[in-house]
N, C-alpha and C. Protein backbone atom coordinates (compact mmCIF):
# COMPACT_ATOMS: atom_id res chain seq x y z
N MET A 1 8.53 -22.86 6.56
CA MET A 1 8.76 -21.70 7.39
C MET A 1 7.79 -21.75 8.56
N ALA A 2 8.30 -21.59 9.75
CA ALA A 2 7.44 -21.56 10.94
C ALA A 2 6.68 -20.23 10.97
N THR A 3 5.46 -20.29 11.46
CA THR A 3 4.65 -19.08 11.57
C THR A 3 4.27 -18.84 13.01
N THR A 4 3.81 -17.64 13.28
CA THR A 4 3.32 -17.29 14.61
C THR A 4 1.99 -16.58 14.45
N LEU A 5 1.14 -16.73 15.43
CA LEU A 5 -0.16 -16.07 15.41
C LEU A 5 0.02 -14.66 15.96
N LEU A 6 -0.40 -13.68 15.20
CA LEU A 6 -0.31 -12.28 15.60
C LEU A 6 -1.72 -11.75 15.77
N ARG A 7 -2.06 -11.30 16.96
CA ARG A 7 -3.40 -10.77 17.21
C ARG A 7 -3.30 -9.27 17.45
N THR A 8 -4.24 -8.55 16.88
CA THR A 8 -4.26 -7.10 17.05
C THR A 8 -5.70 -6.61 17.00
N ARG A 9 -5.94 -5.49 17.60
CA ARG A 9 -7.28 -4.89 17.56
C ARG A 9 -7.27 -3.75 16.55
N VAL A 10 -8.30 -3.76 15.69
CA VAL A 10 -8.43 -2.76 14.64
C VAL A 10 -9.89 -2.30 14.63
N ASP A 11 -10.10 -1.02 14.43
CA ASP A 11 -11.45 -0.50 14.30
C ASP A 11 -12.19 -1.29 13.23
N ALA A 12 -13.41 -1.72 13.53
CA ALA A 12 -14.17 -2.59 12.63
C ALA A 12 -14.41 -1.94 11.27
N ARG A 13 -14.74 -0.65 11.25
CA ARG A 13 -14.99 0.02 9.97
C ARG A 13 -13.71 0.12 9.15
N ARG A 14 -12.60 0.40 9.82
CA ARG A 14 -11.32 0.50 9.12
C ARG A 14 -10.94 -0.87 8.55
N ALA A 15 -11.12 -1.93 9.33
CA ALA A 15 -10.78 -3.27 8.87
C ALA A 15 -11.64 -3.65 7.66
N ALA A 16 -12.92 -3.37 7.72
CA ALA A 16 -13.82 -3.70 6.60
C ALA A 16 -13.42 -2.93 5.34
N ALA A 17 -13.12 -1.66 5.48
CA ALA A 17 -12.72 -0.85 4.33
C ALA A 17 -11.41 -1.35 3.74
N ALA A 18 -10.46 -1.67 4.60
CA ALA A 18 -9.16 -2.16 4.13
C ALA A 18 -9.31 -3.51 3.45
N LYS A 19 -10.12 -4.40 4.03
CA LYS A 19 -10.32 -5.72 3.42
C LYS A 19 -10.93 -5.60 2.03
N LYS A 20 -11.85 -4.66 1.86
CA LYS A 20 -12.47 -4.46 0.55
C LYS A 20 -11.42 -4.02 -0.48
N ILE A 21 -10.57 -3.09 -0.09
CA ILE A 21 -9.52 -2.62 -0.99
C ILE A 21 -8.53 -3.73 -1.28
N LEU A 22 -8.11 -4.44 -0.24
CA LEU A 22 -7.16 -5.54 -0.42
C LEU A 22 -7.74 -6.61 -1.35
N HIS A 23 -9.02 -6.93 -1.18
CA HIS A 23 -9.67 -7.92 -2.05
C HIS A 23 -9.57 -7.48 -3.51
N GLY A 24 -9.80 -6.19 -3.74
CA GLY A 24 -9.69 -5.66 -5.10
C GLY A 24 -8.29 -5.77 -5.66
N LEU A 25 -7.31 -5.83 -4.78
CA LEU A 25 -5.91 -5.98 -5.20
C LEU A 25 -5.50 -7.45 -5.26
N GLY A 26 -6.44 -8.33 -4.93
CA GLY A 26 -6.13 -9.76 -4.94
C GLY A 26 -5.38 -10.22 -3.70
N LEU A 27 -5.50 -9.47 -2.62
CA LEU A 27 -4.78 -9.78 -1.38
C LEU A 27 -5.76 -10.01 -0.24
N ASP A 28 -5.28 -10.69 0.80
CA ASP A 28 -6.04 -10.77 2.03
C ASP A 28 -5.24 -10.07 3.12
N ALA A 29 -5.82 -9.91 4.30
CA ALA A 29 -5.17 -9.17 5.37
C ALA A 29 -3.85 -9.82 5.79
N THR A 30 -3.83 -11.15 5.85
CA THR A 30 -2.61 -11.85 6.24
C THR A 30 -1.47 -11.54 5.28
N THR A 31 -1.75 -11.60 3.99
CA THR A 31 -0.73 -11.32 2.99
C THR A 31 -0.27 -9.87 3.08
N ALA A 32 -1.21 -8.95 3.29
CA ALA A 32 -0.86 -7.54 3.40
C ALA A 32 0.05 -7.30 4.61
N VAL A 33 -0.25 -7.92 5.74
CA VAL A 33 0.59 -7.77 6.92
C VAL A 33 1.97 -8.37 6.67
N ASN A 34 2.02 -9.53 6.01
CA ASN A 34 3.31 -10.13 5.67
C ASN A 34 4.12 -9.22 4.74
N MET A 35 3.44 -8.58 3.79
CA MET A 35 4.12 -7.64 2.90
C MET A 35 4.65 -6.45 3.69
N LEU A 36 3.84 -5.93 4.60
CA LEU A 36 4.27 -4.82 5.45
C LEU A 36 5.52 -5.22 6.23
N PHE A 37 5.47 -6.37 6.89
CA PHE A 37 6.61 -6.81 7.70
C PHE A 37 7.86 -7.02 6.85
N ALA A 38 7.69 -7.57 5.64
CA ALA A 38 8.84 -7.75 4.75
C ALA A 38 9.48 -6.41 4.41
N GLN A 39 8.66 -5.39 4.18
CA GLN A 39 9.19 -4.07 3.87
C GLN A 39 9.81 -3.40 5.10
N VAL A 40 9.23 -3.61 6.27
CA VAL A 40 9.82 -3.07 7.50
C VAL A 40 11.23 -3.65 7.68
N ILE A 41 11.37 -4.95 7.44
CA ILE A 41 12.68 -5.60 7.56
C ILE A 41 13.64 -5.07 6.50
N ALA A 42 13.19 -5.01 5.26
CA ALA A 42 14.05 -4.57 4.16
C ALA A 42 14.51 -3.12 4.34
N ARG A 43 13.61 -2.27 4.83
CA ARG A 43 13.92 -0.85 4.97
C ARG A 43 14.43 -0.48 6.36
N ARG A 44 14.29 -1.43 7.28
CA ARG A 44 14.65 -1.20 8.68
C ARG A 44 13.84 -0.02 9.24
N GLY A 45 12.59 0.05 8.84
CA GLY A 45 11.67 1.09 9.28
C GLY A 45 10.37 0.95 8.52
N LEU A 46 9.45 1.85 8.77
CA LEU A 46 8.17 1.83 8.07
C LEU A 46 8.37 2.17 6.60
N PRO A 47 7.62 1.53 5.70
CA PRO A 47 7.77 1.80 4.27
C PRO A 47 6.98 3.01 3.80
N PHE A 48 6.58 3.86 4.71
CA PHE A 48 5.83 5.06 4.37
C PHE A 48 6.10 6.10 5.45
N ALA A 49 5.92 7.36 5.09
CA ALA A 49 6.11 8.44 6.04
C ALA A 49 4.90 8.51 6.97
N VAL A 50 5.16 8.83 8.21
CA VAL A 50 4.07 8.99 9.18
C VAL A 50 3.90 10.49 9.40
N GLN A 51 2.74 11.01 9.00
CA GLN A 51 2.47 12.43 9.10
C GLN A 51 1.04 12.65 9.53
N GLU A 52 0.67 13.91 9.70
CA GLU A 52 -0.64 14.25 10.24
C GLU A 52 -1.79 13.85 9.33
N ASP A 53 -1.80 14.24 8.08
CA ASP A 53 -2.86 13.87 7.15
C ASP A 53 -2.33 13.95 5.73
N GLY A 54 -3.10 13.46 4.79
CA GLY A 54 -2.66 13.38 3.40
C GLY A 54 -2.27 14.72 2.80
N ASP A 55 -3.10 15.73 3.01
CA ASP A 55 -2.80 17.04 2.43
C ASP A 55 -1.55 17.64 3.06
N ALA A 56 -1.42 17.51 4.38
CA ALA A 56 -0.23 18.04 5.06
C ALA A 56 1.01 17.30 4.58
N TYR A 57 0.88 15.98 4.40
CA TYR A 57 2.01 15.18 3.92
C TYR A 57 2.43 15.64 2.52
N ALA A 58 1.47 15.75 1.62
CA ALA A 58 1.77 16.15 0.25
C ALA A 58 2.41 17.53 0.21
N GLN A 59 1.89 18.42 1.03
CA GLN A 59 2.42 19.78 1.06
C GLN A 59 3.85 19.79 1.59
N SER A 60 4.10 19.09 2.70
CA SER A 60 5.43 19.14 3.31
C SER A 60 6.45 18.29 2.55
N GLU A 61 6.02 17.14 2.05
CA GLU A 61 6.96 16.23 1.38
C GLU A 61 7.23 16.63 -0.06
N TYR A 62 6.20 17.07 -0.78
CA TYR A 62 6.35 17.35 -2.20
C TYR A 62 6.01 18.78 -2.60
N GLY A 63 5.47 19.55 -1.67
CA GLY A 63 5.09 20.92 -1.99
C GLY A 63 3.90 20.99 -2.93
N LEU A 64 3.01 19.97 -2.86
CA LEU A 64 1.87 19.91 -3.77
C LEU A 64 0.58 20.38 -3.10
N THR A 65 -0.28 20.99 -3.90
CA THR A 65 -1.61 21.36 -3.44
C THR A 65 -2.53 20.15 -3.60
N PRO A 66 -3.71 20.17 -2.97
CA PRO A 66 -4.66 19.06 -3.18
C PRO A 66 -5.00 18.85 -4.65
N ALA A 67 -5.15 19.93 -5.42
CA ALA A 67 -5.46 19.80 -6.85
C ALA A 67 -4.31 19.12 -7.59
N GLU A 68 -3.08 19.47 -7.24
CA GLU A 68 -1.92 18.84 -7.87
C GLU A 68 -1.82 17.36 -7.49
N MET A 69 -2.17 17.04 -6.24
CA MET A 69 -2.18 15.64 -5.81
C MET A 69 -3.23 14.84 -6.60
N ASP A 70 -4.41 15.42 -6.80
CA ASP A 70 -5.45 14.75 -7.58
C ASP A 70 -4.98 14.49 -9.00
N ALA A 71 -4.32 15.48 -9.60
CA ALA A 71 -3.82 15.33 -10.97
C ALA A 71 -2.74 14.26 -11.03
N ALA A 72 -1.86 14.23 -10.03
CA ALA A 72 -0.80 13.21 -9.99
C ALA A 72 -1.41 11.82 -9.82
N ALA A 73 -2.40 11.70 -8.95
CA ALA A 73 -3.06 10.41 -8.74
C ALA A 73 -3.70 9.92 -10.03
N LYS A 74 -4.31 10.83 -10.77
CA LYS A 74 -4.93 10.46 -12.05
C LYS A 74 -3.87 9.95 -13.02
N ARG A 75 -2.72 10.64 -13.09
CA ARG A 75 -1.65 10.21 -13.99
C ARG A 75 -1.11 8.84 -13.58
N ILE A 76 -1.00 8.61 -12.28
CA ILE A 76 -0.51 7.31 -11.79
C ILE A 76 -1.49 6.20 -12.17
N ARG A 77 -2.79 6.44 -11.95
CA ARG A 77 -3.80 5.43 -12.31
C ARG A 77 -3.74 5.11 -13.80
N GLN A 78 -3.58 6.14 -14.63
CA GLN A 78 -3.50 5.93 -16.07
C GLN A 78 -2.25 5.12 -16.44
N SER A 79 -1.15 5.43 -15.78
CA SER A 79 0.10 4.72 -16.03
C SER A 79 -0.02 3.24 -15.64
N ILE A 80 -0.62 2.99 -14.50
CA ILE A 80 -0.81 1.61 -14.05
C ILE A 80 -1.72 0.86 -15.02
N ALA A 81 -2.77 1.51 -15.48
CA ALA A 81 -3.68 0.88 -16.44
C ALA A 81 -2.94 0.52 -17.72
N ARG A 82 -2.07 1.41 -18.20
CA ARG A 82 -1.29 1.13 -19.42
C ARG A 82 -0.34 -0.05 -19.18
N GLU A 83 0.30 -0.07 -18.01
CA GLU A 83 1.24 -1.16 -17.72
C GLU A 83 0.53 -2.50 -17.57
N ARG A 84 -0.65 -2.49 -16.95
CA ARG A 84 -1.42 -3.73 -16.85
C ARG A 84 -1.80 -4.24 -18.24
N LYS A 85 -2.24 -3.32 -19.09
CA LYS A 85 -2.65 -3.70 -20.44
C LYS A 85 -1.46 -4.26 -21.22
N ALA A 86 -0.29 -3.66 -21.00
CA ALA A 86 0.92 -4.11 -21.70
C ALA A 86 1.52 -5.37 -21.06
N GLY A 87 1.05 -5.72 -19.87
CA GLY A 87 1.56 -6.90 -19.19
C GLY A 87 2.91 -6.70 -18.55
N THR A 88 3.27 -5.45 -18.23
CA THR A 88 4.59 -5.19 -17.66
C THR A 88 4.60 -5.04 -16.15
N ILE A 89 3.44 -5.18 -15.50
CA ILE A 89 3.40 -5.14 -14.05
C ILE A 89 3.65 -6.54 -13.52
N ARG A 90 4.63 -6.67 -12.65
CA ARG A 90 5.00 -7.96 -12.08
C ARG A 90 4.02 -8.36 -10.99
N PRO A 91 3.44 -9.55 -11.05
CA PRO A 91 2.51 -9.96 -10.01
C PRO A 91 3.21 -10.25 -8.69
N VAL A 92 2.55 -9.93 -7.58
CA VAL A 92 3.07 -10.21 -6.25
C VAL A 92 2.07 -11.12 -5.58
N LYS A 93 2.49 -12.36 -5.32
CA LYS A 93 1.60 -13.35 -4.72
C LYS A 93 1.91 -13.59 -3.26
N SER A 94 3.11 -13.18 -2.82
CA SER A 94 3.46 -13.35 -1.42
C SER A 94 4.50 -12.30 -1.04
N ALA A 95 4.73 -12.17 0.25
CA ALA A 95 5.72 -11.20 0.74
C ALA A 95 7.10 -11.53 0.20
N ASP A 96 7.39 -12.81 -0.05
CA ASP A 96 8.70 -13.21 -0.57
C ASP A 96 8.97 -12.61 -1.94
N ASP A 97 7.92 -12.34 -2.72
CA ASP A 97 8.10 -11.73 -4.04
C ASP A 97 8.64 -10.31 -3.96
N LEU A 98 8.56 -9.69 -2.79
CA LEU A 98 9.03 -8.32 -2.63
C LEU A 98 10.49 -8.24 -2.23
N LEU A 99 11.06 -9.33 -1.83
CA LEU A 99 12.46 -9.33 -1.36
C LEU A 99 13.42 -9.59 -2.49
């Protein structure tokens, strides 16, 4: 597959924070961008809603309070932990795994 060089400017603190999170997920920035682009193509749009902030998004999209969002996030983390332990989470090594 032919590739192209994509250059972009990103706030240094944001890039460092994102790289740290991506590393924890076993990803690098290139893979994350490829995953984003694969989802943009598959969905013919952004794979997430664009809104003002997290609390406003949760309130408008789901009608949830910040406390309810925290509780939901905790349940999701617990569910993911159970699935990892059970071995039922499918590994994603490249953007092609998402298609």
